[in-house]
Amino acid sequence: MASKIKVSSEIGYLAAIVLLSLAVAMLSAADFGISMIVAPAYLLSLKLPFLSFGQAEYVIQAGLFIVLCVVLRKFRAVYLFSFITCLIYGFVLDLWRMIPFFNPSATEPGSMALWLRIVMFVVGVSVTSFAIALFFKTYLYPQVYDFFVKAVSVRYGIRLALLKTIVDLSCLTAGVIMTFAFFGEFRGIGWGTFVMAVLNGTVIGLFSKLIDRVFEFRPAFPRFAALFELESVGRATAPASKSSLFEKEETK
């Protein structure tokens, strides 16, 4: 069997951010419905035009980070890395949306040919799933959304799949409430949102297995990676790998 391609975890982390932000830009341009996770930030940016999509992510995830610290009943400076990920992601997302094809000011979402919108949606969903799978292969914390699930799951021993489902449904509920409170109708949330809710877990799992067959991720800075270990209630634990955490999620 051919040896796997060795890649540093840090490169995987950066690739995940670039790909995920591209996928979100594609999905928002296709206008069949965006991911329920980013729906609150997207709706906030529509309601408050002075906030870009990426800047709205800062606001939403900052609030969620505060909730995380309250739930964990502790704060460690390293936890802020999840918000740093948010800052990088939001910045790259806004860069993608400067391209006329993804820029709502230049090209109105949903105004392109139907066949092109369908292609963008399918590619966007696939790239989203691949990017999330990459995040699970690195020790660096993902955005606050996913870090919330990982940290609370490890600390309190809650099944990861169950907790992720609760967070996903909470974001969807918040998005539905916001779209009707802001606009009195559905915006940003569509049939594509519900398709992603059903398929994402399975597609992410398939990409995760494919990545494991081809690549081997190792931290370039092992001592730095050790700082990102999470603790369960009552005792410190060895760091649960992102891949092992995700394998639990695949059972959903």
C-alpha atoms as a PDB file:
ATOM      1  CA  MET A   1       0.000   0.000   0.000  1.00  0.00           C
ATOM      2  CA  ALA A   2       1.401   3.415  -0.965  1.00  0.00           C
ATOM      3  CA  SER A   3       2.558   5.577   1.895  1.00  0.00           C
ATOM      4  CA  LYS A   4       0.380   8.507   2.882  1.00  0.00           C
ATOM      5  CA  ILE A   5       1.226  12.067   1.991  1.00  0.00           C
ATOM      6  CA  LYS A   6       2.536  13.820   5.100  1.00  0.00           C
ATOM      7  CA  VAL A   7       1.078  17.276   5.688  1.00  0.00           C
ATOM      8  CA  SER A   8       1.545  19.613   8.629  1.00  0.00           C
ATOM      9  CA  SER A   9      -1.562  20.203  10.709  1.00  0.00           C
ATOM     10  CA  GLU A  10      -1.022  23.932  10.355  1.00  0.00           C
ATOM     11  CA  ILE A  11      -1.249  23.726   6.540  1.00  0.00           C
ATOM     12  CA  GLY A  12      -4.429  21.687   6.863  1.00  0.00           C
ATOM     13  CA  TYR A  13      -5.858  24.328   9.189  1.00  0.00           C
ATOM     14  CA  LEU A  14      -5.171  27.179   6.758  1.00  0.00           C
ATOM     15  CA  ALA A  15      -6.533  25.186   3.827  1.00  0.00           C
ATOM     16  CA  ALA A  16      -9.717  24.490   5.789  1.00  0.00           C
ATOM     17  CA  ILE A  17     -10.266  28.204   6.435  1.00  0.00           C
ATOM     18  CA  VAL A  18      -9.724  29.199   2.795  1.00  0.00           C
ATOM     19  CA  LEU A  19     -11.960  26.427   1.462  1.00  0.00           C
ATOM     20  CA  LEU A  20     -14.734  26.928   4.006  1.00  0.00           C
ATOM     21  CA  SER A  21     -14.933  30.668   3.366  1.00  0.00           C
ATOM     22  CA  LEU A  22     -15.006  30.031  -0.402  1.00  0.00           C
ATOM     23  CA  ALA A  23     -17.824  27.520   0.030  1.00  0.00           C
ATOM     24  CA  VAL A  24     -19.891  29.960   2.106  1.00  0.00           C
ATOM     25  CA  ALA A  25     -19.395  32.660  -0.545  1.00  0.00           C
ATOM     26  CA  MET A  26     -20.581  30.214  -3.217  1.00  0.00           C
ATOM     27  CA  LEU A  27     -23.639  29.124  -1.263  1.00  0.00           C
ATOM     28  CA  SER A  28     -24.715  32.676  -0.504  1.00  0.00           C
ATOM     29  CA  ALA A  29     -24.386  33.563  -4.215  1.00  0.00           C
ATOM     30  CA  ALA A  30     -26.360  30.476  -5.306  1.00  0.00           C
ATOM     31  CA  ASP A  31     -29.159  31.589  -2.959  1.00  0.00           C
ATOM     32  CA  PHE A  32     -30.774  28.200  -2.374  1.00  0.00           C
ATOM     33  CA  GLY A  33     -30.157  28.527   1.354  1.00  0.00           C
ATOM     34  CA  ILE A  34     -26.989  28.787   3.400  1.00  0.00           C
ATOM     35  CA  SER A  35     -25.768  26.581   6.214  1.00  0.00           C
ATOM     36  CA  MET A  36     -27.804  26.879   9.399  1.00  0.00           C
ATOM     37  CA  ILE A  37     -24.559  27.487  11.302  1.00  0.00           C
ATOM     38  CA  VAL A  38     -23.788  30.727   9.467  1.00  0.00           C
ATOM     39  CA  ALA A  39     -27.424  31.772   8.984  1.00  0.00           C
ATOM     40  CA  PRO A  40     -27.572  34.128  12.032  1.00  0.00           C
ATOM     41  CA  ALA A  41     -24.466  36.034  10.893  1.00  0.00           C
ATOM     42  CA  TYR A  42     -25.687  36.212   7.301  1.00  0.00           C
ATOM     43  CA  LEU A  43     -29.066  37.584   8.373  1.00  0.00           C
ATOM     44  CA  LEU A  44     -27.410  40.111  10.680  1.00  0.00           C
ATOM     45  CA  SER A  45     -25.299  41.374   7.774  1.00  0.00           C
ATOM     46  CA  LEU A  46     -28.437  41.740   5.639  1.00  0.00           C
ATOM     47  CA  LYS A  47     -30.202  43.697   8.372  1.00  0.00           C
ATOM     48  CA  LEU A  48     -27.213  45.904   9.185  1.00  0.00           C
ATOM     49  CA  PRO A  49     -25.579  46.828   5.850  1.00  0.00           C
ATOM     50  CA  PHE A  50     -22.627  48.504   7.602  1.00  0.00           C
ATOM     51  CA  LEU A  51     -21.566  45.018   8.746  1.00  0.00           C
ATOM     52  CA  SER A  52     -20.031  42.713   6.178  1.00  0.00           C
ATOM     53  CA  PHE A  53     -20.821  38.994   6.333  1.00  0.00           C
ATOM     54  CA  GLY A  54     -17.423  38.347   7.906  1.00  0.00           C
ATOM     55  CA  GLN A  55     -17.837  41.144  10.472  1.00  0.00           C
ATOM     56  CA  ALA A  56     -21.269  39.814  11.426  1.00  0.00           C
ATOM     57  CA  GLU A  57     -19.552  36.489  12.146  1.00  0.00           C
ATOM     58  CA  TYR A  58     -17.323  38.313  14.649  1.00  0.00           C
ATOM     59  CA  VAL A  59     -20.375  39.606  16.502  1.00  0.00           C
ATOM     60  CA  ILE A  60     -22.257  36.292  16.609  1.00  0.00           C
ATOM     61  CA  GLN A  61     -19.231  34.182  17.512  1.00  0.00           C
ATOM     62  CA  ALA A  62     -18.064  36.640  20.172  1.00  0.00           C
ATOM     63  CA  GLY A  63     -21.423  36.210  21.897  1.00  0.00           C
ATOM     64  CA  LEU A  64     -21.193  32.433  21.579  1.00  0.00           C
ATOM     65  CA  PHE A  65     -17.655  32.499  22.997  1.00  0.00           C
ATOM     66  CA  ILE A  66     -18.922  34.243  26.133  1.00  0.00           C
ATOM     67  CA  VAL A  67     -21.630  31.580  26.466  1.00  0.00           C
ATOM     68  CA  LEU A  68     -18.939  28.909  26.073  1.00  0.00           C
ATOM     69  CA  CYS A  69     -16.853  30.275  28.936  1.00  0.00           C
ATOM     70  CA  VAL A  70     -19.945  30.431  31.149  1.00  0.00           C
ATOM     71  CA  VAL A  71     -20.857  26.837  30.310  1.00  0.00           C
ATOM     72  CA  LEU A  72     -17.290  25.615  30.898  1.00  0.00           C
ATOM     73  CA  ARG A  73     -17.107  27.715  34.104  1.00  0.00           C
ATOM     74  CA  LYS A  74     -13.549  28.611  33.262  1.00  0.00           C
ATOM     75  CA  PHE A  75     -11.454  30.617  30.834  1.00  0.00           C
ATOM     76  CA  ARG A  76      -8.086  29.778  29.359  1.00  0.00           C
ATOM     77  CA  ALA A  77      -6.256  32.172  27.085  1.00  0.00           C
ATOM     78  CA  VAL A  78      -5.789  29.393  24.535  1.00  0.00           C
ATOM     79  CA  TYR A  79      -9.571  29.235  24.091  1.00  0.00           C
ATOM     80  CA  LEU A  80      -9.307  32.581  22.319  1.00  0.00           C
ATOM     81  CA  PHE A  81      -7.692  30.773  19.411  1.00  0.00           C
ATOM     82  CA  SER A  82     -11.161  29.684  18.306  1.00  0.00           C
ATOM     83  CA  PHE A  83     -12.069  33.354  17.977  1.00  0.00           C
ATOM     84  CA  ILE A  84      -8.793  34.011  16.143  1.00  0.00           C
ATOM     85  CA  THR A  85      -9.929  31.352  13.684  1.00  0.00           C
ATOM     86  CA  CYS A  86     -13.190  33.272  13.372  1.00  0.00           C
ATOM     87  CA  LEU A  87     -11.312  36.501  12.636  1.00  0.00           C
ATOM     88  CA  ILE A  88      -9.211  34.875   9.917  1.00  0.00           C
ATOM     89  CA  TYR A  89     -12.223  33.113   8.427  1.00  0.00           C
ATOM     90  CA  GLY A  90     -14.322  36.295   8.402  1.00  0.00           C
ATOM     91  CA  PHE A  91     -11.532  38.267   6.747  1.00  0.00           C
ATOM     92  CA  VAL A  92     -10.999  35.639   4.031  1.00  0.00           C
ATOM     93  CA  LEU A  93     -14.773  35.349   3.494  1.00  0.00           C
ATOM     94  CA  ASP A  94     -15.009  39.092   2.876  1.00  0.00           C
ATOM     95  CA  LEU A  95     -12.094  38.841   0.450  1.00  0.00           C
ATOM     96  CA  TRP A  96     -13.900  36.136  -1.540  1.00  0.00           C
ATOM     97  CA  ARG A  97     -17.029  38.297  -1.595  1.00  0.00           C
ATOM     98  CA  MET A  98     -15.083  41.142  -3.178  1.00  0.00           C
ATOM     99  CA  ILE A  99     -14.940  39.068  -6.370  1.00  0.00           C
ATOM    100  CA  PRO A 100     -17.820  40.332  -8.573  1.00  0.00           C
ATOM    101  CA  PHE A 101     -19.157  36.810  -9.044  1.00  0.00           C
ATOM    102  CA  PHE A 102     -19.699  36.473  -5.265  1.00  0.00           C
ATOM    103  CA  ASN A 103     -20.235  40.156  -4.485  1.00  0.00           C
ATOM    104  CA  PRO A 104     -23.970  40.784  -3.822  1.00  0.00           C
ATOM    105  CA  SER A 105     -23.541  44.420  -4.852  1.00  0.00           C
ATOM    106  CA  ALA A 106     -22.250  43.387  -8.272  1.00  0.00           C
ATOM    107  CA  THR A 107     -24.186  40.153  -8.779  1.00  0.00           C
ATOM    108  CA  GLU A 108     -27.473  39.803  -6.926  1.00  0.00           C
ATOM    109  CA  PRO A 109     -27.712  36.417  -5.162  1.00  0.00           C
ATOM    110  CA  GLY A 110     -29.881  34.047  -7.172  1.00  0.00           C
ATOM    111  CA  SER A 111     -29.713  36.152 -10.351  1.00  0.00           C
ATOM    112  CA  MET A 112     -27.486  33.740 -12.268  1.00  0.00           C
ATOM    113  CA  ALA A 113     -28.669  30.973 -14.580  1.00  0.00           C
ATOM    114  CA  LEU A 114     -30.392  28.120 -12.763  1.00  0.00           C
ATOM    115  CA  TRP A 115     -27.905  25.487 -13.941  1.00  0.00           C
ATOM    116  CA  LEU A 116     -25.005  27.586 -12.657  1.00  0.00           C
ATOM    117  CA  ARG A 117     -26.689  28.109  -9.282  1.00  0.00           C
ATOM    118  CA  ILE A 118     -27.212  24.348  -8.952  1.00  0.00           C
ATOM    119  CA  VAL A 119     -23.553  23.675  -9.768  1.00  0.00           C
ATOM    120  CA  MET A 120     -22.462  26.292  -7.230  1.00  0.00           C
ATOM    121  CA  PHE A 121     -24.715  24.795  -4.585  1.00  0.00           C
ATOM    122  CA  VAL A 122     -23.455  21.239  -5.112  1.00  0.00           C
ATOM    123  CA  VAL A 123     -19.817  22.360  -5.182  1.00  0.00           C
ATOM    124  CA  GLY A 124     -20.386  24.625  -2.173  1.00  0.00           C
ATOM    125  CA  VAL A 125     -21.894  21.834  -0.075  1.00  0.00           C
ATOM    126  CA  SER A 126     -19.071  19.460  -1.060  1.00  0.00           C
ATOM    127  CA  VAL A 127     -16.314  21.973  -0.321  1.00  0.00           C
ATOM    128  CA  THR A 128     -17.954  22.866   2.994  1.00  0.00           C
ATOM    129  CA  SER A 129     -17.934  19.226   4.054  1.00  0.00           C
ATOM    130  CA  PHE A 130     -14.341  18.724   2.917  1.00  0.00           C
ATOM    131  CA  ALA A 131     -13.183  21.833   4.784  1.00  0.00           C
ATOM    132  CA  ILE A 132     -14.893  20.762   8.006  1.00  0.00           C
ATOM    133  CA  ALA A 133     -13.315  17.321   7.682  1.00  0.00           C
ATOM    134  CA  LEU A 134      -9.929  19.045   7.391  1.00  0.00           C
ATOM    135  CA  PHE A 135     -10.600  21.023  10.569  1.00  0.00           C
ATOM    136  CA  PHE A 136     -11.056  17.754  12.433  1.00  0.00           C
ATOM    137  CA  LYS A 137      -7.567  16.645  11.380  1.00  0.00           C
ATOM    138  CA  THR A 138      -5.721  19.481  13.093  1.00  0.00           C
ATOM    139  CA  TYR A 139      -5.114  20.303  16.729  1.00  0.00           C
ATOM    140  CA  LEU A 140      -5.792  24.010  16.151  1.00  0.00           C
ATOM    141  CA  TYR A 141      -9.217  25.096  17.314  1.00  0.00           C
ATOM    142  CA  PRO A 142     -11.853  25.639  14.631  1.00  0.00           C
ATOM    143  CA  GLN A 143     -14.357  28.479  14.770  1.00  0.00           C
ATOM    144  CA  VAL A 144     -16.302  29.028  17.977  1.00  0.00           C
ATOM    145  CA  TYR A 145     -19.288  27.055  16.636  1.00  0.00           C
ATOM    146  CA  ASP A 146     -17.403  23.769  16.409  1.00  0.00           C
ATOM    147  CA  PHE A 147     -15.059  24.505  19.300  1.00  0.00           C
ATOM    148  CA  PHE A 148     -18.114  24.972  21.531  1.00  0.00           C
ATOM    149  CA  VAL A 149     -19.216  21.431  20.662  1.00  0.00           C
ATOM    150  CA  LYS A 150     -15.745  19.925  21.163  1.00  0.00           C
ATOM    151  CA  ALA A 151     -14.940  21.691  24.439  1.00  0.00           C
ATOM    152  CA  VAL A 152     -18.296  21.082  26.118  1.00  0.00           C
ATOM    153  CA  SER A 153     -18.359  17.474  24.911  1.00  0.00           C
ATOM    154  CA  VAL A 154     -14.897  16.734  26.329  1.00  0.00           C
ATOM    155  CA  ARG A 155     -15.433  18.572  29.599  1.00  0.00           C
ATOM    156  CA  TYR A 156     -18.792  17.071  30.513  1.00  0.00           C
ATOM    157  CA  GLY A 157     -18.638  13.759  28.678  1.00  0.00           C
ATOM    158  CA  ILE A 158     -21.645  14.563  26.483  1.00  0.00           C
ATOM    159  CA  ARG A 159     -21.887  12.568  23.285  1.00  0.00           C
ATOM    160  CA  LEU A 160     -20.460  14.731  20.529  1.00  0.00           C
ATOM    161  CA  ALA A 161     -23.122  13.863  17.947  1.00  0.00           C
ATOM    162  CA  LEU A 162     -25.924  14.766  20.348  1.00  0.00           C
ATOM    163  CA  LEU A 163     -24.364  18.071  21.344  1.00  0.00           C
ATOM    164  CA  LYS A 164     -23.626  19.029  17.738  1.00  0.00           C
ATOM    165  CA  THR A 165     -27.229  18.312  16.804  1.00  0.00           C
ATOM    166  CA  ILE A 166     -28.412  20.577  19.613  1.00  0.00           C
ATOM    167  CA  VAL A 167     -26.099  23.405  18.513  1.00  0.00           C
ATOM    168  CA  ASP A 168     -27.087  22.998  14.848  1.00  0.00           C
ATOM    169  CA  LEU A 169     -30.800  23.091  15.680  1.00  0.00           C
ATOM    170  CA  SER A 170     -30.247  26.078  17.965  1.00  0.00           C
ATOM    171  CA  CYS A 171     -28.570  27.994  15.117  1.00  0.00           C
ATOM    172  CA  LEU A 172     -31.379  27.026  12.759  1.00  0.00           C
ATOM    173  CA  THR A 173     -34.007  28.159  15.271  1.00  0.00           C
ATOM    174  CA  ALA A 174     -32.158  31.434  15.816  1.00  0.00           C
ATOM    175  CA  GLY A 175     -31.953  31.937  12.044  1.00  0.00           C
ATOM    176  CA  VAL A 176     -35.677  31.330  11.531  1.00  0.00           C
ATOM    177  CA  ILE A 177     -36.548  33.740  14.351  1.00  0.00           C
ATOM    178  CA  MET A 178     -34.168  36.386  12.999  1.00  0.00           C
ATOM    179  CA  THR A 179     -35.380  36.188   9.389  1.00  0.00           C
ATOM    180  CA  PHE A 180     -39.008  36.739  10.405  1.00  0.00           C
ATOM    181  CA  ALA A 181     -38.136  39.357  13.018  1.00  0.00           C
ATOM    182  CA  PHE A 182     -35.963  41.293  10.556  1.00  0.00           C
ATOM    183  CA  PHE A 183     -37.826  40.793   7.274  1.00  0.00           C
ATOM    184  CA  GLY A 184     -41.140  39.045   7.935  1.00  0.00           C
ATOM    185  CA  GLU A 185     -40.193  36.305   5.474  1.00  0.00           C
ATOM    186  CA  PHE A 186     -37.547  33.697   4.741  1.00  0.00           C
ATOM    187  CA  ARG A 187     -34.244  35.146   3.586  1.00  0.00           C
ATOM    188  CA  GLY A 188     -30.975  33.248   3.436  1.00  0.00           C
ATOM    189  CA  ILE A 189     -32.702  30.137   4.750  1.00  0.00           C
ATOM    190  CA  GLY A 190     -34.153  27.897   2.046  1.00  0.00           C
ATOM    191  CA  TRP A 191     -34.543  24.314   0.997  1.00  0.00           C
ATOM    192  CA  GLY A 192     -30.772  24.101   0.598  1.00  0.00           C
ATOM    193  CA  THR A 193     -30.367  24.818   4.312  1.00  0.00           C
ATOM    194  CA  PHE A 194     -32.405  21.753   5.205  1.00  0.00           C
ATOM    195  CA  VAL A 195     -30.624  19.604   2.598  1.00  0.00           C
ATOM    196  CA  MET A 196     -27.306  20.501   4.204  1.00  0.00           C
ATOM    197  CA  ALA A 197     -28.693  19.762   7.650  1.00  0.00           C
ATOM    198  CA  VAL A 198     -29.566  16.238   6.506  1.00  0.00           C
ATOM    199  CA  LEU A 199     -26.532  15.451   4.335  1.00  0.00           C
ATOM    200  CA  ASN A 200     -23.595  17.303   5.883  1.00  0.00           C
ATOM    201  CA  GLY A 201     -22.812  14.737   8.575  1.00  0.00           C
ATOM    202  CA  THR A 202     -22.685  11.878   6.066  1.00  0.00           C
ATOM    203  CA  VAL A 203     -20.675  13.800   3.466  1.00  0.00           C
ATOM    204  CA  ILE A 204     -18.217  15.047   6.078  1.00  0.00           C
ATOM    205  CA  GLY A 205     -17.741  11.455   7.222  1.00  0.00           C
ATOM    206  CA  LEU A 206     -16.993  10.289   3.686  1.00  0.00           C
ATOM    207  CA  PHE A 207     -14.436  13.056   3.162  1.00  0.00           C
ATOM    208  CA  SER A 208     -12.885  12.327   6.556  1.00  0.00           C
ATOM    209  CA  LYS A 209     -12.280   8.680   5.603  1.00  0.00           C
ATOM    210  CA  LEU A 210     -10.917   9.718   2.199  1.00  0.00           C
ATOM    211  CA  ILE A 211      -8.519  12.196   3.786  1.00  0.00           C
ATOM    212  CA  ASP A 212      -7.325   9.523   6.230  1.00  0.00           C
ATOM    213  CA  ARG A 213      -6.519   7.191   3.343  1.00  0.00           C
ATOM    214  CA  VAL A 214      -4.443   9.772   1.497  1.00  0.00           C
ATOM    215  CA  PHE A 215      -2.948  12.141   4.079  1.00  0.00           C
ATOM    216  CA  GLU A 216      -1.215  11.982   7.431  1.00  0.00           C
ATOM    217  CA  PHE A 217      -1.366  15.176   9.481  1.00  0.00           C
ATOM    218  CA  ARG A 218       1.324  15.979  12.009  1.00  0.00           C
ATOM    219  CA  PRO A 219       1.936  19.205  13.945  1.00  0.00           C
ATOM    220  CA  ALA A 220       5.043  21.100  12.914  1.00  0.00           C
ATOM    221  CA  PHE A 221       5.273  22.429  16.483  1.00  0.00           C
ATOM    222  CA  PRO A 222       4.436  19.579  18.915  1.00  0.00           C
ATOM    223  CA  ARG A 223       5.047  21.646  22.063  1.00  0.00           C
ATOM    224  CA  PHE A 224       2.738  24.350  20.779  1.00  0.00           C
ATOM    225  CA  ALA A 225       0.136  21.718  19.923  1.00  0.00           C
ATOM    226  CA  ALA A 226       0.213  20.485  23.535  1.00  0.00           C
ATOM    227  CA  LEU A 227      -1.199  23.828  24.660  1.00  0.00           C
ATOM    228  CA  PHE A 228      -4.480  22.993  22.936  1.00  0.00           C
ATOM    229  CA  GLU A 229      -5.320  19.993  25.094  1.00  0.00           C
ATOM    230  CA  LEU A 230      -8.826  20.055  26.552  1.00  0.00           C
ATOM    231  CA  GLU A 231      -9.779  19.026  30.090  1.00  0.00           C
ATOM    232  CA  SER A 232     -12.714  16.996  31.298  1.00  0.00           C
ATOM    233  CA  VAL A 233     -14.419  17.657  34.622  1.00  0.00           C
ATOM    234  CA  GLY A 234     -12.260  16.583  37.535  1.00  0.00           C
ATOM    235  CA  ARG A 235      -9.087  15.671  35.674  1.00  0.00           C
ATOM    236  CA  ALA A 236      -6.847  16.614  32.795  1.00  0.00           C
ATOM    237  CA  THR A 237      -7.113  14.368  29.798  1.00  0.00           C
ATOM    238  CA  ALA A 238      -4.838  13.559  26.943  1.00  0.00           C
ATOM    239  CA  PRO A 239      -5.883  15.528  23.903  1.00  0.00           C
ATOM    240  CA  ALA A 240      -8.637  13.805  22.017  1.00  0.00           C
ATOM    241  CA  SER A 241      -7.633  13.947  18.399  1.00  0.00           C
ATOM    242  CA  LYS A 242      -9.863  15.786  16.009  1.00  0.00           C
ATOM    243  CA  SER A 243     -10.256  12.667  13.941  1.00  0.00           C
ATOM    244  CA  SER A 244     -11.287  10.562  16.937  1.00  0.00           C
ATOM    245  CA  LEU A 245     -13.799  13.187  17.986  1.00  0.00           C
ATOM    246  CA  PHE A 246     -15.223  13.207  14.519  1.00  0.00           C
ATOM    247  CA  GLU A 247     -15.501   9.459  14.391  1.00  0.00           C
ATOM    248  CA  LYS A 248     -17.920   9.761  17.297  1.00  0.00           C
ATOM    249  CA  GLU A 249     -19.866  12.353  15.378  1.00  0.00           C
ATOM    250  CA  GLU A 250     -20.207  10.061  12.400  1.00  0.00           C
ATOM    251  CA  THR A 251     -22.427   7.787  14.467  1.00  0.00           C
ATOM    252  CA  LYS A 252     -25.132  10.441  14.395  1.00  0.00           C
END
